[in-house]
PDB file of N, CA and C in Angstrom:
ATOM      1  N   ALA A   1       0.828  -1.189  -0.001  1.00  0.00           N
ATOM      2  CA  ALA A   1       0.009  -0.008   0.005  1.00  0.00           C
ATOM      3  C   ALA A   1       0.868   1.244   0.010  1.00  0.00           C
ATOM      4  N   GLY A   2       1.960   1.225   0.704  1.00  0.00           N
ATOM      5  CA  GLY A   2       2.830   2.401   0.767  1.00  0.00           C
ATOM      6  C   GLY A   2       3.461   2.758  -0.542  1.00  0.00           C
ATOM      7  N   SER A   3       3.845   1.761  -1.324  1.00  0.00           N
ATOM      8  CA  SER A   3       4.458   2.030  -2.611  1.00  0.00           C
ATOM      9  C   SER A   3       3.449   2.644  -3.574  1.00  0.00           C
ATOM     10  N   SER A   4       2.179   2.274  -3.445  1.00  0.00           N
ATOM     11  CA  SER A   4       1.142   2.865  -4.291  1.00  0.00           C
ATOM     12  C   SER A   4       0.995   4.358  -4.014  1.00  0.00           C
ATOM     13  N   VAL A   5       1.061   4.732  -2.768  1.00  0.00           N
ATOM     14  CA  VAL A   5       0.970   6.148  -2.398  1.00  0.00           C
ATOM     15  C   VAL A   5       2.149   6.924  -2.977  1.00  0.00           C
ATOM     16  N   VAL A   6       3.337   6.336  -2.889  1.00  0.00           N
ATOM     17  CA  VAL A   6       4.515   6.992  -3.425  1.00  0.00           C
ATOM     18  C   VAL A   6       4.398   7.145  -4.943  1.00  0.00           C
ATOM     19  N   TRP A   7       3.901   6.121  -5.628  1.00  0.00           N
ATOM     20  CA  TRP A   7       3.765   6.171  -7.073  1.00  0.00           C
ATOM     21  C   TRP A   7       2.752   7.222  -7.486  1.00  0.00           C
ATOM     22  N   VAL A   8       1.639   7.344  -6.769  1.00  0.00           N
ATOM     23  CA  VAL A   8       0.635   8.354  -7.077  1.00  0.00           C
ATOM     24  C   VAL A   8       1.249   9.746  -6.874  1.00  0.00           C
ATOM     25  N   GLN A   9       1.960   9.934  -5.774  1.00  0.00           N
ATOM     26  CA  GLN A   9       2.564  11.239  -5.536  1.00  0.00           C
ATOM     27  C   GLN A   9       3.607  11.598  -6.608  1.00  0.00           C
ATOM     28  N   SER A  10       4.415  10.621  -6.976  1.00  0.00           N
ATOM     29  CA  SER A  10       5.436  10.902  -8.016  1.00  0.00           C
ATOM     30  C   SER A  10       4.770  11.166  -9.374  1.00  0.00           C
ATOM     31  N   SER A  11       3.674  10.485  -9.649  1.00  0.00           N
ATOM     32  CA  SER A  11       2.939  10.738 -10.888  1.00  0.00           C
ATOM     33  C   SER A  11       2.365  12.139 -10.903  1.00  0.00           C
ATOM     34  N   LEU A  12       1.846  12.584  -9.778  1.00  0.00           N
ATOM     35  CA  LEU A  12       1.316  13.944  -9.688  1.00  0.00           C
ATOM     36  C   LEU A  12       2.418  14.977  -9.876  1.00  0.00           C
ATOM     37  N   ILE A  13       3.581  14.723  -9.286  1.00  0.00           N
ATOM     38  CA  ILE A  13       4.712  15.642  -9.449  1.00  0.00           C
ATOM     39  C   ILE A  13       5.157  15.698 -10.907  1.00  0.00           C
ATOM     40  N   LEU A  14       5.198  14.530 -11.551  1.00  0.00           N
ATOM     41  CA  LEU A  14       5.554  14.502 -12.986  1.00  0.00           C
ATOM     42  C   LEU A  14       4.566  15.314 -13.801  1.00  0.00           C
ATOM     43  N   GLN A  15       3.280  15.185 -13.511  1.00  0.00           N
ATOM     44  CA  GLN A  15       2.265  15.923 -14.241  1.00  0.00           C
ATOM     45  C   GLN A  15       2.383  17.418 -13.995  1.00  0.00           C
ATOM     46  N   LYS A  16       2.691  17.783 -12.772  1.00  0.00           N
ATOM     47  CA  LYS A  16       2.764  19.194 -12.413  1.00  0.00           C
ATOM     48  C   LYS A  16       3.948  19.896 -13.082  1.00  0.00           C
ATOM     49  N   PHE A  17       5.101  19.214 -13.133  1.00  0.00           N
ATOM     50  CA  PHE A  17       6.306  19.891 -13.600  1.00  0.00           C
ATOM     51  C   PHE A  17       6.686  19.560 -15.052  1.00  0.00           C
ATOM     52  N   SER A  18       5.911  18.716 -15.714  1.00  0.00           N
ATOM     53  CA  SER A  18       6.191  18.401 -17.114  1.00  0.00           C
ATOM     54  C   SER A  18       5.512  19.395 -18.024  1.00  0.00           C
ATOM     55  N   ASP A  19       6.171  19.704 -19.126  1.00  0.00           N
ATOM     56  CA  ASP A  19       5.568  20.570 -20.134  1.00  0.00           C
ATOM     57  C   ASP A  19       4.397  19.821 -20.758  1.00  0.00           C
ATOM     58  N   ALA A  20       3.337  20.524 -21.066  1.00  0.00           N
ATOM     59  CA  ALA A  20       2.124  19.894 -21.602  1.00  0.00           C
ATOM     60  C   ALA A  20       2.403  19.095 -22.880  1.00  0.00           C
ATOM     61  N   SER A  21       3.312  19.582 -23.706  1.00  0.00           N
ATOM     62  CA  SER A  21       3.604  18.895 -24.960  1.00  0.00           C
ATOM     63  C   SER A  21       4.406  17.612 -24.739  1.00  0.00           C
ATOM     64  N   MET A  22       5.017  17.466 -23.577  1.00  0.00           N
ATOM     65  CA  MET A  22       5.834  16.289 -23.279  1.00  0.00           C
ATOM     66  C   MET A  22       5.172  15.356 -22.259  1.00  0.00           C
ATOM     67  N   LEU A  23       4.019  15.714 -21.758  1.00  0.00           N
ATOM     68  CA  LEU A  23       3.418  14.985 -20.656  1.00  0.00           C
ATOM     69  C   LEU A  23       3.135  13.511 -20.994  1.00  0.00           C
ATOM     70  N   GLY A  24       2.604  13.251 -22.170  1.00  0.00           N
ATOM     71  CA  GLY A  24       2.335  11.861 -22.551  1.00  0.00           C
ATOM     72  C   GLY A  24       3.610  11.021 -22.603  1.00  0.00           C
ATOM     73  N   ARG A  25       4.677  11.604 -23.111  1.00  0.00           N
ATOM     74  CA  ARG A  25       5.948  10.868 -23.204  1.00  0.00           C
ATOM     75  C   ARG A  25       6.519  10.614 -21.810  1.00  0.00           C
ATOM     76  N   VAL A  26       6.424  11.604 -20.943  1.00  0.00           N
ATOM     77  CA  VAL A  26       6.958  11.465 -19.589  1.00  0.00           C
ATOM     78  C   VAL A  26       6.193  10.384 -18.819  1.00  0.00           C
ATOM     79  N   VAL A  27       4.878  10.425 -18.904  1.00  0.00           N
ATOM     80  CA  VAL A  27       4.056   9.446 -18.187  1.00  0.00           C
ATOM     81  C   VAL A  27       4.274   8.049 -18.758  1.00  0.00           C
ATOM     82  N   SER A  28       4.445   7.940 -20.083  1.00  0.00           N
ATOM     83  CA  SER A  28       4.688   6.616 -20.669  1.00  0.00           C
ATOM     84  C   SER A  28       6.027   6.044 -20.211  1.00  0.00           C
ATOM     85  N   VAL A  29       7.045   6.882 -20.058  1.00  0.00           N
ATOM     86  CA  VAL A  29       8.331   6.400 -19.550  1.00  0.00           C
ATOM     87  C   VAL A  29       8.182   5.969 -18.096  1.00  0.00           C
ATOM     88  N   ASP A  30       7.387   6.710 -17.319  1.00  0.00           N
ATOM     89  CA  ASP A  30       7.135   6.343 -15.927  1.00  0.00           C
ATOM     90  C   ASP A  30       6.483   4.961 -15.851  1.00  0.00           C
ATOM     91  N   TYR A  31       5.445   4.730 -16.639  1.00  0.00           N
ATOM     92  CA  TYR A  31       4.773   3.443 -16.645  1.00  0.00           C
ATOM     93  C   TYR A  31       5.684   2.325 -17.156  1.00  0.00           C
ATOM     94  N   ALA A  32       6.456   2.631 -18.193  1.00  0.00           N
ATOM     95  CA  ALA A  32       7.372   1.619 -18.752  1.00  0.00           C
ATOM     96  C   ALA A  32       8.408   1.193 -17.715  1.00  0.00           C
ATOM     97  N   LEU A  33       8.991   2.152 -16.997  1.00  0.00           N
ATOM     98  CA  LEU A  33       9.981   1.825 -15.985  1.00  0.00           C
ATOM     99  C   LEU A  33       9.354   1.046 -14.816  1.00  0.00           C
ATOM    100  N   ALA A  34       8.136   1.408 -14.446  1.00  0.00           N
ATOM    101  CA  ALA A  34       7.460   0.652 -13.385  1.00  0.00           C
ATOM    102  C   ALA A  34       7.200  -0.789 -13.811  1.00  0.00           C
ATOM    103  N   THR A  35       6.748  -0.968 -15.044  1.00  0.00           N
ATOM    104  CA  THR A  35       6.509  -2.320 -15.539  1.00  0.00           C
ATOM    105  C   THR A  35       7.800  -3.109 -15.648  1.00  0.00           C
ATOM    106  N   LEU A  36       8.855  -2.463 -16.098  1.00  0.00           N
ATOM    107  CA  LEU A  36      10.166  -3.099 -16.175  1.00  0.00           C
ATOM    108  C   LEU A  36      10.650  -3.525 -14.788  1.00  0.00           C
ATOM    109  N   GLY A  37      10.434  -2.680 -13.787  1.00  0.00           N
ATOM    110  CA  GLY A  37      10.811  -3.024 -12.422  1.00  0.00           C
ATOM    111  C   GLY A  37      10.039  -4.198 -11.889  1.00  0.00           C
ATOM    112  N   GLU A  38       8.754  -4.266 -12.192  1.00  0.00           N
ATOM    113  CA  GLU A  38       7.947  -5.404 -11.749  1.00  0.00           C
ATOM    114  C   GLU A  38       8.400  -6.690 -12.434  1.00  0.00           C
ATOM    115  N   ALA A  39       8.702  -6.606 -13.720  1.00  0.00           N
ATOM    116  CA  ALA A  39       9.152  -7.783 -14.450  1.00  0.00           C
ATOM    117  C   ALA A  39      10.520  -8.259 -13.935  1.00  0.00           C
ATOM    118  N   PHE A  40      11.408  -7.313 -13.662  1.00  0.00           N
ATOM    119  CA  PHE A  40      12.722  -7.659 -13.152  1.00  0.00           C
ATOM    120  C   PHE A  40      12.610  -8.307 -11.766  1.00  0.00           C
ATOM    121  N   SER A  41      11.733  -7.794 -10.953  1.00  0.00           N
ATOM    122  CA  SER A  41      11.503  -8.366  -9.616  1.00  0.00           C
ATOM    123  C   SER A  41      10.965  -9.792  -9.708  1.00  0.00           C
ATOM    124  N   ALA A  42      10.000  -9.999 -10.600  1.00  0.00           N
ATOM    125  CA  ALA A  42       9.462 -11.352 -10.787  1.00  0.00           C
ATOM    126  C   ALA A  42      10.532 -12.291 -11.329  1.00  0.00           C
ATOM    127  N   MET A  43      11.368 -11.821 -12.241  1.00  0.00           N
ATOM    128  CA  MET A  43      12.422 -12.653 -12.791  1.00  0.00           C
ATOM    129  C   MET A  43      13.433 -13.029 -11.706  1.00  0.00           C
ATOM    130  N   CYS A  44      13.818 -12.061 -10.892  1.00  0.00           N
ATOM    131  CA  CYS A  44      14.760 -12.335  -9.801  1.00  0.00           C
ATOM    132  C   CYS A  44      14.171 -13.334  -8.803  1.00  0.00           C
ATOM    133  N   GLY A  45      12.906 -13.154  -8.463  1.00  0.00           N
ATOM    134  CA  GLY A  45      12.252 -14.100  -7.554  1.00  0.00           C
ATOM    135  C   GLY A  45      12.220 -15.503  -8.122  1.00  0.00           C
ATOM    136  N   GLY A  46      11.913 -15.631  -9.402  1.00  0.00           N
ATOM    137  CA  GLY A  46      11.902 -16.948 -10.026  1.00  0.00           C
ATOM    138  C   GLY A  46      13.287 -17.575 -10.078  1.00  0.00           C
ATOM    139  N   LEU A  47      14.294 -16.771 -10.399  1.00  0.00           N
ATOM    140  CA  LEU A  47      15.658 -17.294 -10.433  1.00  0.00           C
ATOM    141  C   LEU A  47      16.122 -17.739  -9.050  1.00  0.00           C
ATOM    142  N   LEU A  48      15.788 -16.954  -8.051  1.00  0.00           N
ATOM    143  CA  LEU A  48      16.190 -17.338  -6.699  1.00  0.00           C
ATOM    144  C   LEU A  48      15.506 -18.631  -6.256  1.00  0.00           C
ATOM    145  N   GLN A  49      14.276 -18.840  -6.653  1.00  0.00           N
ATOM    146  CA  GLN A  49      13.591 -20.077  -6.282  1.00  0.00           C
ATOM    147  C   GLN A  49      14.091 -21.247  -7.109  1.00  0.00           C
ATOM    148  N   ASP A  50      14.225 -21.055  -8.416  1.00  0.00           N
ATOM    149  CA  ASP A  50      14.582 -22.177  -9.289  1.00  0.00           C
ATOM    150  C   ASP A  50      16.063 -22.528  -9.231  1.00  0.00           C
ATOM    151  N   ASP A  51      16.927 -21.540  -9.347  1.00  0.00           N
ATOM    152  CA  ASP A  51      18.360 -21.806  -9.454  1.00  0.00           C
ATOM    153  C   ASP A  51      19.082 -21.820  -8.120  1.00  0.00           C
ATOM    154  N   ALA A  52      18.666 -20.941  -7.194  1.00  0.00           N
ATOM    155  CA  ALA A  52      19.343 -20.900  -5.899  1.00  0.00           C
ATOM    156  C   ALA A  52      18.693 -21.830  -4.886  1.00  0.00           C
ATOM    157  N   GLY A  53      17.510 -22.325  -5.193  1.00  0.00           N
ATOM    158  CA  GLY A  53      16.842 -23.251  -4.292  1.00  0.00           C
ATOM    159  C   GLY A  53      16.238 -22.651  -3.061  1.00  0.00           C
ATOM    160  N   LEU A  54      15.947 -21.347  -3.098  1.00  0.00           N
ATOM    161  CA  LEU A  54      15.346 -20.689  -1.947  1.00  0.00           C
ATOM    162  C   LEU A  54      13.841 -20.926  -1.941  1.00  0.00           C
ATOM    163  N   SER A  55      13.264 -20.940  -0.738  1.00  0.00           N
ATOM    164  CA  SER A  55      11.813 -21.072  -0.633  1.00  0.00           C
ATOM    165  C   SER A  55      11.175 -19.703  -0.898  1.00  0.00           C
ATOM    166  N   ALA A  56       9.861 -19.697  -1.056  1.00  0.00           N
ATOM    167  CA  ALA A  56       9.149 -18.445  -1.283  1.00  0.00           C
ATOM    168  C   ALA A  56       9.335 -17.483  -0.103  1.00  0.00           C
ATOM    169  N   GLU A  57       9.378 -18.008   1.103  1.00  0.00           N
ATOM    170  CA  GLU A  57       9.574 -17.161   2.290  1.00  0.00           C
ATOM    171  C   GLU A  57      10.961 -16.551   2.280  1.00  0.00           C
ATOM    172  N   GLU A  58      11.961 -17.330   1.895  1.00  0.00           N
ATOM    173  CA  GLU A  58      13.340 -16.796   1.866  1.00  0.00           C
ATOM    174  C   GLU A  58      13.484 -15.736   0.772  1.00  0.00           C
ATOM    175  N   VAL A  59      12.852 -15.960  -0.366  1.00  0.00           N
ATOM    176  CA  VAL A  59      12.892 -14.952  -1.445  1.00  0.00           C
ATOM    177  C   VAL A  59      12.237 -13.676  -0.965  1.00  0.00           C
ATOM    178  N   SER A  60      11.091 -13.793  -0.295  1.00  0.00           N
ATOM    179  CA  SER A  60      10.406 -12.611   0.233  1.00  0.00           C
ATOM    180  C   SER A  60      11.277 -11.883   1.245  1.00  0.00           C
ATOM    181  N   PHE A  61      11.967 -12.625   2.090  1.00  0.00           N
ATOM    182  CA  PHE A  61      12.845 -12.005   3.087  1.00  0.00           C
ATOM    183  C   PHE A  61      13.961 -11.219   2.375  1.00  0.00           C
ATOM    184  N   TRP A  62      14.618 -11.823   1.389  1.00  0.00           N
ATOM    185  CA  TRP A  62      15.735 -11.153   0.733  1.00  0.00           C
ATOM    186  C   TRP A  62      15.271  -9.954  -0.100  1.00  0.00           C
ATOM    187  N   MET A  63      14.123 -10.059  -0.706  1.00  0.00           N
ATOM    188  CA  MET A  63      13.620  -8.889  -1.447  1.00  0.00           C
ATOM    189  C   MET A  63      13.230  -7.757  -0.489  1.00  0.00           C
ATOM    190  N   ALA A  64      12.697  -8.106   0.663  1.00  0.00           N
ATOM    191  CA  ALA A  64      12.393  -7.091   1.668  1.00  0.00           C
ATOM    192  C   ALA A  64      13.688  -6.475   2.185  1.00  0.00           C
ATOM    193  N   ALA A  65      14.729  -7.276   2.350  1.00  0.00           N
ATOM    194  CA  ALA A  65      16.031  -6.742   2.799  1.00  0.00           C
ATOM    195  C   ALA A  65      16.601  -5.773   1.790  1.00  0.00           C
ATOM    196  N   VAL A  66      16.478  -6.103   0.507  1.00  0.00           N
ATOM    197  CA  VAL A  66      16.948  -5.187  -0.543  1.00  0.00           C
ATOM    198  C   VAL A  66      16.143  -3.895  -0.516  1.00  0.00           C
ATOM    199  N   ALA A  67      14.832  -4.005  -0.346  1.00  0.00           N
ATOM    200  CA  ALA A  67      13.965  -2.806  -0.281  1.00  0.00           C
ATOM    201  C   ALA A  67      14.333  -1.954   0.937  1.00  0.00           C
ATOM    202  N   PHE A  68      14.587  -2.612   2.055  1.00  0.00           N
ATOM    203  CA  PHE A  68      14.970  -1.873   3.267  1.00  0.00           C
ATOM    204  C   PHE A  68      16.322  -1.180   3.074  1.00  0.00           C
ATOM    205  N   GLY A  69      17.256  -1.868   2.432  1.00  0.00           N
ATOM    206  CA  GLY A  69      18.559  -1.250   2.140  1.00  0.00           C
ATOM    207  C   GLY A  69      18.420  -0.026   1.256  1.00  0.00           C
ATOM    208  N   THR A  70      17.527  -0.113   0.282  1.00  0.00           N
ATOM    209  CA  THR A  70      17.263   1.038  -0.579  1.00  0.00           C
ATOM    210  C   THR A  70      16.672   2.193   0.221  1.00  0.00           C
ATOM    211  N   LEU A  71      15.775   1.858   1.147  1.00  0.00           N
ATOM    212  CA  LEU A  71      15.189   2.893   2.027  1.00  0.00           C
ATOM    213  C   LEU A  71      16.261   3.575   2.842  1.00  0.00           C
ATOM    214  N   VAL A  72      17.169   2.812   3.410  1.00  0.00           N
ATOM    215  CA  VAL A  72      18.241   3.389   4.230  1.00  0.00           C
ATOM    216  C   VAL A  72      19.099   4.335   3.399  1.00  0.00           C
ATOM    217  N   VAL A  73      19.463   3.907   2.215  1.00  0.00           N
ATOM    218  CA  VAL A  73      20.288   4.761   1.334  1.00  0.00           C
ATOM    219  C   VAL A  73      19.528   6.042   0.996  1.00  0.00           C
ATOM    220  N   TRP A  74      18.254   5.940   0.711  1.00  0.00           N
ATOM    221  CA  TRP A  74      17.456   7.119   0.381  1.00  0.00           C
ATOM    222  C   TRP A  74      17.334   8.066   1.564  1.00  0.00           C
ATOM    223  N   VAL A  75      17.112   7.536   2.771  1.00  0.00           N
ATOM    224  CA  VAL A  75      16.991   8.395   3.952  1.00  0.00           C
ATOM    225  C   VAL A  75      18.329   9.085   4.241  1.00  0.00           C
ATOM    226  N   VAL A  76      19.426   8.357   4.126  1.00  0.00           N
ATOM    227  CA  VAL A  76      20.756   8.978   4.314  1.00  0.00           C
ATOM    228  C   VAL A  76      20.972  10.095   3.324  1.00  0.00           C
ATOM    229  N   TYR A  77      20.592   9.840   2.069  1.00  0.00           N
ATOM    230  CA  TYR A  77      20.747  10.886   1.063  1.00  0.00           C
ATOM    231  C   TYR A  77      19.906  12.102   1.406  1.00  0.00           C
ATOM    232  N   LEU A  78      18.664  11.899   1.786  1.00  0.00           N
ATOM    233  CA  LEU A  78      17.785  13.034   2.077  1.00  0.00           C
ATOM    234  C   LEU A  78      18.242  13.836   3.272  1.00  0.00           C
ATOM    235  N   TYR A  79      18.686  13.175   4.334  1.00  0.00           N
ATOM    236  CA  TYR A  79      18.979  13.877   5.574  1.00  0.00           C
ATOM    237  C   TYR A  79      20.443  14.235   5.757  1.00  0.00           C
ATOM    238  N   VAL A  80      21.336  13.593   5.046  1.00  0.00           N
ATOM    239  CA  VAL A  80      22.768  13.903   5.227  1.00  0.00           C
ATOM    240  C   VAL A  80      23.302  14.700   4.021  1.00  0.00           C
ATOM    241  N   VAL A  81      23.067  14.199   2.860  1.00  0.00           N
ATOM    242  CA  VAL A  81      23.659  14.818   1.674  1.00  0.00           C
ATOM    243  C   VAL A  81      22.895  16.063   1.264  1.00  0.00           C
ATOM    244  N   ARG A  82      21.574  16.029   1.256  1.00  0.00           N
ATOM    245  CA  ARG A  82      20.804  17.180   0.797  1.00  0.00           C
ATOM    246  C   ARG A  82      20.721  18.307   1.802  1.00  0.00           C
ATOM    247  N   VAL A  83      20.794  18.001   3.068  1.00  0.00           N
ATOM    248  CA  VAL A  83      20.588  19.039   4.082  1.00  0.00           C
ATOM    249  C   VAL A  83      21.817  19.844   4.311  1.00  0.00           C
TER     250      VAL A  83
END
């Protein structure tokens, strides 16, 4: 649910700051990258289960760990580098 809120907010920001003549292109790139991210995540999950022999629970744990690591990097960037 949280990622949906972030995506809606980022879509609104893209719409607000994009030139009207480029809006369709910008939104299509946003959707394409989101779809690519979902496909890449599904591929990684499948590879981890099939090739690495991890269970669904272990794959979920490692994907959550990667997401948490990304969150930590983002928070450090926002509060240390930008401030």
